[in-house]
N, C-alpha and C. Protein backbone atom coordinates (compact mmCIF):
# COMPACT_ATOMS: atom_id res chain seq x y z
N MET A 1 -56.39 24.87 -22.76
CA MET A 1 -56.17 26.40 -23.84
C MET A 1 -54.88 26.96 -24.17
N SER A 2 -53.75 26.96 -25.00
CA SER A 2 -53.05 26.88 -25.21
C SER A 2 -52.93 27.96 -26.35
N LEU A 3 -51.99 29.15 -26.70
CA LEU A 3 -52.25 29.87 -27.71
C LEU A 3 -50.67 29.75 -28.04
N ARG A 4 -50.83 29.64 -29.16
CA ARG A 4 -49.33 30.01 -29.87
C ARG A 4 -49.52 30.83 -31.25
N SER A 5 -48.58 31.35 -31.56
CA SER A 5 -47.91 31.78 -32.96
C SER A 5 -47.02 31.54 -33.72
N PHE A 6 -47.19 31.44 -34.87
CA PHE A 6 -45.90 31.37 -36.12
C PHE A 6 -45.86 32.37 -37.36
N LYS A 7 -44.68 32.43 -37.87
CA LYS A 7 -44.68 32.96 -38.99
C LYS A 7 -44.21 31.87 -40.18
N VAL A 8 -44.73 32.09 -41.20
CA VAL A 8 -44.70 30.94 -42.34
C VAL A 8 -44.30 31.80 -43.41
N PHE A 9 -43.30 31.29 -44.27
CA PHE A 9 -43.16 32.39 -46.03
C PHE A 9 -43.29 31.61 -46.53
N GLY A 10 -43.98 32.13 -47.53
CA GLY A 10 -43.91 30.90 -48.92
C GLY A 10 -44.63 31.77 -49.72
N THR A 11 -45.01 30.86 -51.01
CA THR A 11 -45.96 31.75 -51.65
C THR A 11 -47.84 31.52 -51.64
N LYS A 12 -48.41 31.87 -52.17
CA LYS A 12 -50.20 31.96 -51.81
C LYS A 12 -50.44 30.36 -51.83
N LYS A 13 -49.49 29.66 -52.75
CA LYS A 13 -49.60 27.96 -53.71
C LYS A 13 -49.83 27.39 -52.36
N ASP A 14 -47.60 27.43 -52.12
CA ASP A 14 -47.40 26.99 -50.87
C ASP A 14 -47.89 27.14 -49.71
N LEU A 15 -48.65 28.05 -49.24
CA LEU A 15 -49.19 28.89 -48.04
C LEU A 15 -50.42 27.46 -47.62
N ASP A 16 -51.22 27.71 -48.80
CA ASP A 16 -52.49 27.18 -49.21
C ASP A 16 -52.34 25.45 -48.69
N SER A 17 -51.34 24.52 -49.34
CA SER A 17 -51.20 23.73 -49.12
C SER A 17 -50.88 22.86 -47.52
N ILE A 18 -49.53 23.58 -47.14
CA ILE A 18 -49.53 23.79 -44.96
C ILE A 18 -50.26 23.98 -44.48
N PHE A 19 -51.05 24.90 -45.33
CA PHE A 19 -52.41 25.29 -44.25
C PHE A 19 -53.55 23.95 -44.08
N ASN A 20 -53.77 23.45 -45.31
CA ASN A 20 -54.80 22.98 -45.62
C ASN A 20 -54.43 21.59 -44.98
N GLU A 21 -53.51 21.05 -44.66
CA GLU A 21 -52.92 20.28 -43.96
C GLU A 21 -52.26 20.16 -42.39
N PHE A 22 -52.23 21.48 -42.34
CA PHE A 22 -52.13 21.74 -40.75
C PHE A 22 -53.68 21.53 -40.07
N GLN A 23 -54.48 21.91 -40.71
CA GLN A 23 -56.15 22.28 -40.78
C GLN A 23 -56.50 21.17 -39.85
N LYS A 24 -55.87 19.54 -41.56
CA LYS A 24 -56.58 18.76 -41.57
C LYS A 24 -55.90 17.93 -40.35
N ASN A 25 -54.79 17.86 -39.72
CA ASN A 25 -54.37 17.19 -38.63
C ASN A 25 -54.64 17.95 -37.16
N ASN A 26 -54.79 19.13 -36.70
CA ASN A 26 -54.73 19.22 -36.13
C ASN A 26 -56.25 20.15 -35.76
N ILE A 27 -56.73 20.39 -34.38
CA ILE A 27 -58.22 20.90 -34.06
C ILE A 27 -57.69 22.75 -33.76
N ILE A 28 -57.77 23.46 -35.14
CA ILE A 28 -57.44 24.99 -34.99
C ILE A 28 -58.53 26.30 -34.48
N LYS A 29 -58.19 26.87 -33.83
CA LYS A 29 -59.70 28.21 -33.80
C LYS A 29 -58.82 29.37 -34.52
N TYR A 30 -59.19 29.71 -35.08
CA TYR A 30 -58.77 31.42 -35.81
C TYR A 30 -59.86 31.94 -35.19
N TYR A 31 -59.37 33.61 -34.81
CA TYR A 31 -59.79 34.90 -34.96
C TYR A 31 -59.31 35.59 -35.08
N LYS A 32 -60.62 36.98 -35.39
CA LYS A 32 -60.24 37.93 -36.40
C LYS A 32 -60.34 39.16 -35.12
N CYS A 33 -59.26 39.56 -34.41
CA CYS A 33 -59.38 40.90 -34.06
C CYS A 33 -59.98 40.53 -32.73
N GLY A 34 -59.89 39.41 -32.08
CA GLY A 34 -60.30 39.40 -30.50
C GLY A 34 -60.87 37.65 -30.40
N LYS A 35 -61.55 37.75 -28.80
CA LYS A 35 -62.29 36.37 -29.31
C LYS A 35 -63.62 35.57 -29.36
N SER A 36 -64.15 36.67 -30.02
CA SER A 36 -65.95 36.52 -29.94
C SER A 36 -66.13 35.65 -31.01
N ASP A 37 -67.29 34.58 -30.62
CA ASP A 37 -67.52 33.79 -31.39
C ASP A 37 -68.03 34.11 -33.34
N SER A 38 -68.19 35.39 -32.92
CA SER A 38 -68.30 36.30 -34.26
C SER A 38 -67.37 36.67 -35.04
N ASN A 39 -66.06 36.68 -34.38
CA ASN A 39 -65.42 36.76 -35.10
C ASN A 39 -64.40 35.46 -36.03
N LYS A 40 -64.70 34.30 -35.21
CA LYS A 40 -64.41 33.45 -35.33
C LYS A 40 -64.29 32.90 -37.16
N VAL A 41 -63.12 32.71 -37.58
CA VAL A 41 -62.71 32.19 -38.85
C VAL A 41 -62.65 30.30 -39.19
N THR A 42 -63.20 29.70 -39.93
CA THR A 42 -63.62 28.30 -39.72
C THR A 42 -62.14 27.88 -40.50
N ASP A 43 -61.73 28.29 -41.90
CA ASP A 43 -60.53 28.31 -42.48
C ASP A 43 -59.62 29.17 -42.96
N ILE A 44 -58.54 29.42 -42.07
CA ILE A 44 -57.75 30.39 -42.74
C ILE A 44 -57.58 30.71 -44.36
N THR A 45 -57.38 29.75 -44.81
CA THR A 45 -56.64 29.75 -46.03
C THR A 45 -58.21 30.45 -47.25
N LYS A 46 -59.40 30.54 -46.88
CA LYS A 46 -60.62 31.20 -47.50
C LYS A 46 -60.46 32.31 -47.06
N ILE A 47 -60.04 33.47 -46.16
CA ILE A 47 -60.16 34.88 -45.92
C ILE A 47 -59.46 35.66 -47.30
N ASN A 48 -59.70 36.68 -47.25
CA ASN A 48 -59.68 38.04 -48.62
C ASN A 48 -58.07 37.96 -48.85
N ASN A 49 -57.27 37.84 -47.58
CA ASN A 49 -55.98 38.74 -47.92
C ASN A 49 -55.04 37.41 -47.47
N PHE A 50 -55.08 36.14 -47.33
CA PHE A 50 -54.35 35.26 -47.14
C PHE A 50 -53.55 34.99 -47.69
N GLY A 51 -52.45 34.96 -47.50
CA GLY A 51 -50.62 34.99 -48.09
C GLY A 51 -50.30 36.48 -48.72
N PHE A 52 -50.73 37.26 -47.82
CA PHE A 52 -50.63 38.90 -48.11
C PHE A 52 -49.87 39.51 -46.94
N LEU A 53 -48.71 40.14 -46.85
CA LEU A 53 -48.08 40.88 -45.58
C LEU A 53 -48.91 42.22 -45.89
N LEU A 54 -50.24 42.29 -44.53
CA LEU A 54 -50.76 43.11 -44.32
C LEU A 54 -50.10 44.59 -43.26
N THR A 55 -49.32 44.44 -42.65
CA THR A 55 -48.44 45.23 -41.79
C THR A 55 -47.64 45.74 -42.46
N GLY A 56 -46.82 45.25 -42.88
CA GLY A 56 -45.09 46.00 -43.12
C GLY A 56 -44.30 45.54 -42.61
N VAL A 57 -44.51 44.66 -41.51
CA VAL A 57 -43.54 44.60 -40.30
C VAL A 57 -43.73 42.83 -40.33
N ILE A 58 -42.26 42.17 -40.18
CA ILE A 58 -41.92 40.83 -40.26
C ILE A 58 -40.96 40.11 -39.16
């Protein structure tokens, strides 16, 4: 298993197309704050805050 992270900046429309294409071409597992199956997110573009900076830190 490998763990990688990256930052992407763009409009919500741009991010939707980038992540939809990325998720279609790669096996991705997203988790909210932890690694429990109950916190698994199957499509990151469907979460409420997708495309919004929440921490104020870039």
